[in-house]
Structures are given as structure tokens and as C-alpha cells.
Amino acid sequence: MSIEQLTKNEKVWNRKEVLRKIYHDYYERIKSFLALGGPILEIGGGTGNLKEYVSEVISTDILPSLWLDCVFDAQKIPFKEKSMNNIVGVDVLHHIEFPRLFFSEASRVLKSGGRIILLDPAITPVSYLFYKYFHNEPVKMQVNPLKDGVPNPDREPFDSNQAIPSLLFGKYSKEFQSEFPELKIVKKHFLSLWGYPLSGGFQSWCLIPKLLINPILKVERILESILGRIFGFRILVVLEKK
């Protein structure tokens, strides 16, 4: 992905009401978990849409754009210790080369009681088939998401592995908690059963009429706790610093 792709995504966002409603649902969920007061750091700000919902956001990304407040790699956050109450990332964790470095940095800059709120692709029995065969980003389930290393300066900023969030907070959750005992997992929730894949995301196509998206989102909320681990296309994770 490049600046050109981000610009294309912005155009799709502005044109596609169904997509905006889906992300409105995501952002409302995120808002409900924010720690009270203080600055909110958004990593992977992309096209800067979160600011429409949370005005206190400091929007950042690894690539520069006019709508961002700061540009840096989330594996090295240029803020002082205990300076943030919240760190939010939407569709960003699966792009980070070494998540261990990000969580170390995030823990450093968070105040006690501060939260990390992440929303990313979820790999479930149903979503796996879609992400594996109908999505342009890879799904690599055999990697160790907590591996250590030095970030590659020649790596494309938006290289990814959609399996990373599900591995970190699934198969490797015990290792994660052992590595970061100060970060308590207070919420892990699978969501987005049908609306997101049928919307086409940031693609030009959409299979959902505008009049149906709100009813679909309401039904999804009712069924998520039952069907999320099987059908969910997204995972919402909330971590709180002790």
C-alpha cells in the first residue's frame, strides 16, 4: 500500500455509505472502552477517519499524509513514558513486523490504567476461507507472532500477516501475558459476522443495500457472543496497563 492507495481508500470511504456505517459501529465500540480523560494516540491512522468520532485523537501512521498529526513506526513511538491514556489501532496490528516491539513501546508510553484498544482481522473457521483465498493480504498461521528482531528498513510499510492478531490472543496468549504481565487482557471479542465481507470493505463493490446495513449490524450484535468465534471477521482486543 502507498499514499496513492490511501488516497483511493479515502475516495471509497467518502462514496460508500455502507462502509462508513460499519466503521461507525467499530468506532462506537472503541469509544466505549477508552480510559477516561487524557490524550488518545492512534497508530496506523490511514485516512484519518477515527477523528470524525473522537476529536482528542493524535492521528499517526508510518507514511506521511495531510490528515496526520505525526509520522513514525509504531515499533518505536516518539513519546515520553506514561504520557498517554489510550492507544488505538484499527487494522494495523497485522501490519507490524515485530508486534513485541510495539507492545513494549505501547506499555512504556501508557499511564497506569491506560488502555490499548485494537481492532483487526480475525481468523475464524469461516473468515479463514475468505481471507486466505479472496483477500490480497496473506494468512500465515505457522509464524511466531512474538518473535524478536530488528525491523527491516527496506520492508514495505504495509506488508502484513492477517493471522497475527488471532495468534497473539489465541494460541500465543499465555506467552503474551508472560511477556507483558503489566498488560491485562480485559476484552477479547469476535465481531463482524456478515456485514463487513458483504460490504466489500474498501473495494469498489458492495452486496448490501444501504437500507439493510443498520438491521444487519443490529442482528450481528445479538449473535456475536454465540457465533463470533466461528463466523467473526474481526477481533476487538482491549488491554489495560496495571
C-alpha atoms as a PDB file:
ATOM      1  CA  MET A   1       0.000   0.000   0.000  1.00  0.00           C
ATOM      2  CA  SER A   2       1.145   3.550  -0.726  1.00  0.00           C
ATOM      3  CA  ILE A   3      -0.030   7.139  -0.492  1.00  0.00           C
ATOM      4  CA  GLU A   4      -1.875   6.522  -3.746  1.00  0.00           C
ATOM      5  CA  GLN A   5      -3.713   3.584  -2.179  1.00  0.00           C
ATOM      6  CA  LEU A   6      -4.583   5.627   0.910  1.00  0.00           C
ATOM      7  CA  THR A   7      -5.981   8.341  -1.342  1.00  0.00           C
ATOM      8  CA  LYS A   8      -8.028   5.720  -3.199  1.00  0.00           C
ATOM      9  CA  ASN A   9      -9.308   4.391   0.134  1.00  0.00           C
ATOM     10  CA  GLU A  10     -10.338   7.888   1.144  1.00  0.00           C
ATOM     11  CA  LYS A  11     -12.395   8.237  -2.044  1.00  0.00           C
ATOM     12  CA  VAL A  12     -14.087   4.885  -1.413  1.00  0.00           C
ATOM     13  CA  TRP A  13     -14.810   5.946   2.173  1.00  0.00           C
ATOM     14  CA  ASN A  14     -16.447   9.179   1.057  1.00  0.00           C
ATOM     15  CA  ARG A  15     -18.537   7.432  -1.604  1.00  0.00           C
ATOM     16  CA  LYS A  16     -19.541   4.259   0.249  1.00  0.00           C
ATOM     17  CA  GLU A  17     -22.176   4.860   2.931  1.00  0.00           C
ATOM     18  CA  VAL A  18     -22.390   1.186   3.909  1.00  0.00           C
ATOM     19  CA  LEU A  19     -18.657   1.131   4.712  1.00  0.00           C
ATOM     20  CA  ARG A  20     -18.944   4.282   6.826  1.00  0.00           C
ATOM     21  CA  LYS A  21     -21.804   2.766   8.825  1.00  0.00           C
ATOM     22  CA  ILE A  22     -19.780  -0.381   9.510  1.00  0.00           C
ATOM     23  CA  TYR A  23     -16.805   1.621  10.730  1.00  0.00           C
ATOM     24  CA  HIS A  24     -19.118   3.876  12.720  1.00  0.00           C
ATOM     25  CA  ASP A  25     -20.109   0.720  14.595  1.00  0.00           C
ATOM     26  CA  TYR A  26     -16.426  -0.149  15.109  1.00  0.00           C
ATOM     27  CA  TYR A  27     -15.554   3.333  16.377  1.00  0.00           C
ATOM     28  CA  GLU A  28     -18.532   3.432  18.749  1.00  0.00           C
ATOM     29  CA  ARG A  29     -17.339   0.175  20.272  1.00  0.00           C
ATOM     30  CA  ILE A  30     -13.814   1.566  20.620  1.00  0.00           C
ATOM     31  CA  LYS A  31     -15.099   4.741  22.271  1.00  0.00           C
ATOM     32  CA  SER A  32     -16.925   2.681  24.879  1.00  0.00           C
ATOM     33  CA  PHE A  33     -13.632   1.162  26.069  1.00  0.00           C
ATOM     34  CA  LEU A  34     -11.482   4.300  26.213  1.00  0.00           C
ATOM     35  CA  ALA A  35      -9.920   5.165  29.563  1.00  0.00           C
ATOM     36  CA  LEU A  36     -11.362   8.443  30.777  1.00  0.00           C
ATOM     37  CA  GLY A  37      -9.559  11.696  30.033  1.00  0.00           C
ATOM     38  CA  GLY A  38      -6.127  12.368  28.594  1.00  0.00           C
ATOM     39  CA  PRO A  39      -4.655  12.125  25.095  1.00  0.00           C
ATOM     40  CA  ILE A  40      -5.520   9.307  22.682  1.00  0.00           C
ATOM     41  CA  LEU A  41      -2.766   8.065  20.377  1.00  0.00           C
ATOM     42  CA  GLU A  42      -3.944   6.444  17.146  1.00  0.00           C
ATOM     43  CA  ILE A  43      -1.412   4.267  15.354  1.00  0.00           C
ATOM     44  CA  GLY A  44      -1.951   3.349  11.724  1.00  0.00           C
ATOM     45  CA  GLY A  45      -4.264   6.312  11.230  1.00  0.00           C
ATOM     46  CA  GLY A  46      -4.571   5.627   7.499  1.00  0.00           C
ATOM     47  CA  THR A  47      -7.134   8.018   6.070  1.00  0.00           C
ATOM     48  CA  GLY A  48      -7.777   9.657   9.449  1.00  0.00           C
ATOM     49  CA  ASN A  49     -11.394   8.544   9.891  1.00  0.00           C
ATOM     50  CA  LEU A  50     -11.268   7.997  13.655  1.00  0.00           C
ATOM     51  CA  LYS A  51     -11.011  11.744  14.197  1.00  0.00           C
ATOM     52  CA  GLU A  52     -14.575  12.114  12.964  1.00  0.00           C
ATOM     53  CA  TYR A  53     -15.681  10.195  16.047  1.00  0.00           C
ATOM     54  CA  VAL A  54     -13.060  11.025  18.692  1.00  0.00           C
ATOM     55  CA  SER A  55     -11.799  14.600  18.468  1.00  0.00           C
ATOM     56  CA  GLU A  56      -8.989  14.198  21.025  1.00  0.00           C
ATOM     57  CA  VAL A  57      -7.079  11.761  18.820  1.00  0.00           C
ATOM     58  CA  ILE A  58      -3.429  12.253  17.848  1.00  0.00           C
ATOM     59  CA  SER A  59      -3.506  10.520  14.467  1.00  0.00           C
ATOM     60  CA  THR A  60      -0.270   8.892  13.267  1.00  0.00           C
ATOM     61  CA  ASP A  61       0.955   6.497  10.604  1.00  0.00           C
ATOM     62  CA  ILE A  62       4.183   5.213   9.125  1.00  0.00           C
ATOM     63  CA  LEU A  63       3.636   7.147   5.876  1.00  0.00           C
ATOM     64  CA  PRO A  64       3.028  10.910   5.741  1.00  0.00           C
ATOM     65  CA  SER A  65      -0.265  12.437   4.669  1.00  0.00           C
ATOM     66  CA  LEU A  66      -2.035  15.746   5.107  1.00  0.00           C
ATOM     67  CA  TRP A  67      -4.557  14.453   7.653  1.00  0.00           C
ATOM     68  CA  LEU A  68      -1.988  13.040  10.112  1.00  0.00           C
ATOM     69  CA  ASP A  69      -0.545  14.740  13.186  1.00  0.00           C
ATOM     70  CA  CYS A  70       2.672  12.725  13.354  1.00  0.00           C
ATOM     71  CA  VAL A  71       4.607  10.160  11.292  1.00  0.00           C
ATOM     72  CA  PHE A  72       6.530   7.273  12.867  1.00  0.00           C
ATOM     73  CA  ASP A  73       6.911   3.487  13.029  1.00  0.00           C
ATOM     74  CA  ALA A  74       4.749   2.028  15.844  1.00  0.00           C
ATOM     75  CA  GLN A  75       7.722  -0.165  16.785  1.00  0.00           C
ATOM     76  CA  LYS A  76       9.433   2.993  18.076  1.00  0.00           C
ATOM     77  CA  ILE A  77       6.982   5.525  19.496  1.00  0.00           C
ATOM     78  CA  PRO A  78       8.472   9.036  19.926  1.00  0.00           C
ATOM     79  CA  PHE A  79       6.596   9.985  23.096  1.00  0.00           C
ATOM     80  CA  LYS A  80       7.812  10.046  26.684  1.00  0.00           C
ATOM     81  CA  GLU A  81       6.969   7.470  29.322  1.00  0.00           C
ATOM     82  CA  LYS A  82       3.478   7.459  30.825  1.00  0.00           C
ATOM     83  CA  SER A  83       2.253  10.229  28.520  1.00  0.00           C
ATOM     84  CA  MET A  84      -0.835   8.536  27.023  1.00  0.00           C
ATOM     85  CA  ASN A  85      -4.126   7.307  28.445  1.00  0.00           C
ATOM     86  CA  ASN A  86      -5.150   5.371  25.348  1.00  0.00           C
ATOM     87  CA  ILE A  87      -3.547   3.846  22.267  1.00  0.00           C
ATOM     88  CA  VAL A  88      -5.931   2.851  19.484  1.00  0.00           C
ATOM     89  CA  GLY A  89      -5.229   0.873  16.324  1.00  0.00           C
ATOM     90  CA  VAL A  90      -7.722  -0.158  13.645  1.00  0.00           C
ATOM     91  CA  ASP A  91      -6.470  -2.610  11.001  1.00  0.00           C
ATOM     92  CA  VAL A  92      -2.850  -2.021  11.981  1.00  0.00           C
ATOM     93  CA  LEU A  93      -1.538  -4.803  14.256  1.00  0.00           C
ATOM     94  CA  HIS A  94      -1.348  -7.318  11.415  1.00  0.00           C
ATOM     95  CA  HIS A  95       0.951  -4.923   9.509  1.00  0.00           C
ATOM     96  CA  ILE A  96       3.574  -4.633  12.283  1.00  0.00           C
ATOM     97  CA  GLU A  97       6.739  -6.636  11.606  1.00  0.00           C
ATOM     98  CA  PHE A  98       7.582  -7.306  15.271  1.00  0.00           C
ATOM     99  CA  PRO A  99       4.497  -6.889  17.493  1.00  0.00           C
ATOM    100  CA  ARG A 100       6.689  -7.479  20.556  1.00  0.00           C
ATOM    101  CA  LEU A 101       8.414  -4.134  19.885  1.00  0.00           C
ATOM    102  CA  PHE A 102       5.093  -2.322  19.516  1.00  0.00           C
ATOM    103  CA  PHE A 103       3.659  -3.659  22.778  1.00  0.00           C
ATOM    104  CA  SER A 104       6.874  -2.839  24.607  1.00  0.00           C
ATOM    105  CA  GLU A 105       6.707   0.731  23.334  1.00  0.00           C
ATOM    106  CA  ALA A 106       2.973   0.995  23.967  1.00  0.00           C
ATOM    107  CA  SER A 107       3.412  -0.184  27.545  1.00  0.00           C
ATOM    108  CA  ARG A 108       6.171   2.375  28.045  1.00  0.00           C
ATOM    109  CA  VAL A 109       4.115   5.382  26.951  1.00  0.00           C
ATOM    110  CA  LEU A 110       0.860   4.318  28.646  1.00  0.00           C
ATOM    111  CA  LYS A 111      -0.102   5.640  32.049  1.00  0.00           C
ATOM    112  CA  SER A 112      -1.196   3.213  34.734  1.00  0.00           C
ATOM    113  CA  GLY A 113      -4.818   2.358  33.986  1.00  0.00           C
ATOM    114  CA  GLY A 114      -4.329   3.327  30.342  1.00  0.00           C
ATOM    115  CA  ARG A 115      -5.621   1.116  27.573  1.00  0.00           C
ATOM    116  CA  ILE A 116      -4.592  -0.315  24.216  1.00  0.00           C
ATOM    117  CA  ILE A 117      -7.629  -0.891  22.009  1.00  0.00           C
ATOM    118  CA  LEU A 118      -7.089  -2.853  18.809  1.00  0.00           C
ATOM    119  CA  LEU A 119      -9.484  -3.947  16.065  1.00  0.00           C
ATOM    120  CA  ASP A 120      -8.062  -6.236  13.399  1.00  0.00           C
ATOM    121  CA  PRO A 121      -8.901  -9.157  11.129  1.00  0.00           C
ATOM    122  CA  ALA A 122      -9.917 -12.325  12.981  1.00  0.00           C
ATOM    123  CA  ILE A 123      -9.107 -15.755  11.628  1.00  0.00           C
ATOM    124  CA  THR A 124     -12.084 -17.999  12.352  1.00  0.00           C
ATOM    125  CA  PRO A 125     -13.278 -21.165  10.524  1.00  0.00           C
ATOM    126  CA  VAL A 126     -15.416 -19.069   8.152  1.00  0.00           C
ATOM    127  CA  SER A 127     -13.282 -15.952   7.776  1.00  0.00           C
ATOM    128  CA  TYR A 128     -10.161 -18.036   7.106  1.00  0.00           C
ATOM    129  CA  LEU A 129     -11.538 -19.164   3.762  1.00  0.00           C
ATOM    130  CA  PHE A 130     -12.363 -15.590   2.739  1.00  0.00           C
ATOM    131  CA  TYR A 131      -9.089 -14.069   3.889  1.00  0.00           C
ATOM    132  CA  LYS A 132      -6.982 -16.933   2.545  1.00  0.00           C
ATOM    133  CA  TYR A 133      -8.473 -17.147  -0.947  1.00  0.00           C
ATOM    134  CA  PHE A 134     -10.299 -13.873  -1.632  1.00  0.00           C
ATOM    135  CA  HIS A 135      -8.163 -11.209   0.048  1.00  0.00           C
ATOM    136  CA  ASN A 136      -4.912  -9.701  -1.147  1.00  0.00           C
ATOM    137  CA  GLU A 137      -3.152  -9.932   2.240  1.00  0.00           C
ATOM    138  CA  PRO A 138      -1.617 -13.271   3.319  1.00  0.00           C
ATOM    139  CA  VAL A 139      -2.693 -15.523   6.190  1.00  0.00           C
ATOM    140  CA  LYS A 140       0.320 -17.312   7.726  1.00  0.00           C
ATOM    141  CA  MET A 141      -0.733 -19.401  10.726  1.00  0.00           C
ATOM    142  CA  GLN A 142       2.646 -21.069  11.321  1.00  0.00           C
ATOM    143  CA  VAL A 143       4.599 -17.995  12.445  1.00  0.00           C
ATOM    144  CA  ASN A 144       5.540 -16.961  15.976  1.00  0.00           C
ATOM    145  CA  PRO A 145       3.955 -13.505  16.466  1.00  0.00           C
ATOM    146  CA  LEU A 146       6.215 -12.818  19.472  1.00  0.00           C
ATOM    147  CA  LYS A 147       9.489 -13.395  17.665  1.00  0.00           C
ATOM    148  CA  ASP A 148      12.189 -10.854  18.373  1.00  0.00           C
ATOM    149  CA  GLY A 149      14.233  -8.999  15.787  1.00  0.00           C
ATOM    150  CA  VAL A 150      15.338  -5.737  14.252  1.00  0.00           C
ATOM    151  CA  PRO A 151      12.865  -4.038  11.880  1.00  0.00           C
ATOM    152  CA  ASN A 152      13.918  -4.252   8.262  1.00  0.00           C
ATOM    153  CA  PRO A 153      14.302  -0.715   6.868  1.00  0.00           C
ATOM    154  CA  ASP A 154      13.602  -1.999   3.339  1.00  0.00           C
ATOM    155  CA  ARG A 155      10.344  -3.715   4.275  1.00  0.00           C
ATOM    156  CA  GLU A 156       7.234  -2.359   2.615  1.00  0.00           C
ATOM    157  CA  PRO A 157       5.310  -0.453   5.339  1.00  0.00           C
ATOM    158  CA  PHE A 158       2.062  -2.253   4.629  1.00  0.00           C
ATOM    159  CA  ASP A 159       3.363  -5.818   4.327  1.00  0.00           C
ATOM    160  CA  SER A 160       1.152  -7.937   6.536  1.00  0.00           C
ATOM    161  CA  ASN A 161       0.041 -11.229   8.000  1.00  0.00           C
ATOM    162  CA  GLN A 162      -3.658 -11.267   8.842  1.00  0.00           C
ATOM    163  CA  ALA A 163      -3.129 -14.153  11.275  1.00  0.00           C
ATOM    164  CA  ILE A 164      -1.052 -12.092  13.729  1.00  0.00           C
ATOM    165  CA  PRO A 165      -3.896 -10.797  15.980  1.00  0.00           C
ATOM    166  CA  SER A 166      -5.598 -14.196  16.232  1.00  0.00           C
ATOM    167  CA  LEU A 167      -2.291 -15.899  17.021  1.00  0.00           C
ATOM    168  CA  LEU A 168      -1.268 -13.327  19.633  1.00  0.00           C
ATOM    169  CA  PHE A 169      -4.529 -13.530  21.547  1.00  0.00           C
ATOM    170  CA  GLY A 170      -5.241 -17.179  20.831  1.00  0.00           C
ATOM    171  CA  LYS A 171      -2.510 -19.784  20.513  1.00  0.00           C
ATOM    172  CA  TYR A 172       0.141 -17.437  21.969  1.00  0.00           C
ATOM    173  CA  SER A 173      -1.997 -15.670  24.581  1.00  0.00           C
ATOM    174  CA  LYS A 174      -0.196 -17.288  27.546  1.00  0.00           C
ATOM    175  CA  GLU A 175       3.180 -16.354  26.113  1.00  0.00           C
ATOM    176  CA  PHE A 176       1.911 -12.816  25.517  1.00  0.00           C
ATOM    177  CA  GLN A 177       0.759 -12.450  29.126  1.00  0.00           C
ATOM    178  CA  SER A 178       4.076 -13.862  30.358  1.00  0.00           C
ATOM    179  CA  GLU A 179       5.994 -11.400  28.188  1.00  0.00           C
ATOM    180  CA  PHE A 180       3.777  -8.428  29.134  1.00  0.00           C
ATOM    181  CA  PRO A 181       2.349  -9.163  32.612  1.00  0.00           C
ATOM    182  CA  GLU A 182       1.565  -5.463  33.073  1.00  0.00           C
ATOM    183  CA  LEU A 183      -0.902  -5.564  30.166  1.00  0.00           C
ATOM    184  CA  LYS A 184      -4.110  -7.249  31.287  1.00  0.00           C
ATOM    185  CA  ILE A 185      -6.495  -8.516  28.598  1.00  0.00           C
ATOM    186  CA  VAL A 186      -9.846  -7.079  29.695  1.00  0.00           C
ATOM    187  CA  LYS A 187     -11.754  -7.789  26.472  1.00  0.00           C
ATOM    188  CA  LYS A 188     -11.424 -10.176  23.540  1.00  0.00           C
ATOM    189  CA  HIS A 189     -14.447 -10.190  21.290  1.00  0.00           C
ATOM    190  CA  PHE A 190     -15.144 -11.581  17.819  1.00  0.00           C
ATOM    191  CA  LEU A 191     -17.485  -9.481  15.700  1.00  0.00           C
ATOM    192  CA  SER A 192     -18.467  -8.564  12.134  1.00  0.00           C
ATOM    193  CA  LEU A 193     -20.238 -11.728  11.055  1.00  0.00           C
ATOM    194  CA  TRP A 194     -21.586 -10.826   7.603  1.00  0.00           C
ATOM    195  CA  GLY A 195     -21.762  -7.069   7.145  1.00  0.00           C
ATOM    196  CA  TYR A 196     -18.089  -6.422   6.559  1.00  0.00           C
ATOM    197  CA  PRO A 197     -17.372  -9.185   3.990  1.00  0.00           C
ATOM    198  CA  LEU A 198     -20.604  -8.462   2.113  1.00  0.00           C
ATOM    199  CA  SER A 199     -19.764  -4.759   2.012  1.00  0.00           C
ATOM    200  CA  GLY A 200     -16.563  -5.438   0.084  1.00  0.00           C
ATOM    201  CA  GLY A 201     -14.581  -3.310   2.545  1.00  0.00           C
ATOM    202  CA  PHE A 202     -12.539  -0.739   0.665  1.00  0.00           C
ATOM    203  CA  GLN A 203     -13.200  -2.420  -2.682  1.00  0.00           C
ATOM    204  CA  SER A 204     -15.463  -0.641  -5.168  1.00  0.00           C
ATOM    205  CA  TRP A 205     -18.237  -3.242  -4.948  1.00  0.00           C
ATOM    206  CA  CYS A 206     -20.868  -3.758  -2.242  1.00  0.00           C
ATOM    207  CA  LEU A 207     -23.505  -6.511  -1.902  1.00  0.00           C
ATOM    208  CA  ILE A 208     -25.535  -4.797   0.829  1.00  0.00           C
ATOM    209  CA  PRO A 209     -28.256  -2.215   0.040  1.00  0.00           C
ATOM    210  CA  LYS A 210     -27.903   0.882   2.199  1.00  0.00           C
ATOM    211  CA  LEU A 211     -31.299   0.308   3.814  1.00  0.00           C
ATOM    212  CA  LEU A 212     -30.234  -3.101   5.145  1.00  0.00           C
ATOM    213  CA  ILE A 213     -26.912  -2.322   6.801  1.00  0.00           C
ATOM    214  CA  ASN A 214     -28.346  -0.990  10.077  1.00  0.00           C
ATOM    215  CA  PRO A 215     -30.618  -4.034  10.600  1.00  0.00           C
ATOM    216  CA  ILE A 216     -27.706  -6.335   9.737  1.00  0.00           C
ATOM    217  CA  LEU A 217     -25.462  -4.633  12.322  1.00  0.00           C
ATOM    218  CA  LYS A 218     -28.174  -4.920  14.974  1.00  0.00           C
ATOM    219  CA  VAL A 219     -28.632  -8.636  14.314  1.00  0.00           C
ATOM    220  CA  GLU A 220     -24.865  -9.144  14.377  1.00  0.00           C
ATOM    221  CA  ARG A 221     -24.628  -7.559  17.826  1.00  0.00           C
ATOM    222  CA  ILE A 222     -27.216 -10.013  19.124  1.00  0.00           C
ATOM    223  CA  LEU A 223     -25.495 -13.080  17.650  1.00  0.00           C
ATOM    224  CA  GLU A 224     -21.804 -12.214  18.105  1.00  0.00           C
ATOM    225  CA  SER A 225     -21.417 -13.851  21.511  1.00  0.00           C
ATOM    226  CA  ILE A 226     -22.813 -17.110  20.077  1.00  0.00           C
ATOM    227  CA  LEU A 227     -21.386 -17.166  16.545  1.00  0.00           C
ATOM    228  CA  GLY A 228     -18.391 -14.833  16.697  1.00  0.00           C
ATOM    229  CA  ARG A 229     -15.724 -17.496  17.180  1.00  0.00           C
ATOM    230  CA  ILE A 230     -16.998 -19.337  14.101  1.00  0.00           C
ATOM    231  CA  PHE A 231     -18.131 -16.555  11.737  1.00  0.00           C
ATOM    232  CA  GLY A 232     -16.327 -13.444  13.027  1.00  0.00           C
ATOM    233  CA  PHE A 233     -14.256 -11.438  10.560  1.00  0.00           C
ATOM    234  CA  ARG A 234     -12.910  -9.043  13.209  1.00  0.00           C
ATOM    235  CA  ILE A 235     -11.417  -9.272  16.662  1.00  0.00           C
ATOM    236  CA  LEU A 236     -11.583  -6.455  19.217  1.00  0.00           C
ATOM    237  CA  VAL A 237      -8.946  -6.623  21.954  1.00  0.00           C
ATOM    238  CA  VAL A 238      -8.709  -4.274  24.929  1.00  0.00           C
ATOM    239  CA  LEU A 239      -5.604  -4.297  27.116  1.00  0.00           C
ATOM    240  CA  GLU A 240      -5.221  -2.303  30.323  1.00  0.00           C
ATOM    241  CA  LYS A 241      -1.915  -1.384  31.934  1.00  0.00           C
ATOM    242  CA  LYS A 242      -1.785  -2.341  35.586  1.00  0.00           C
END
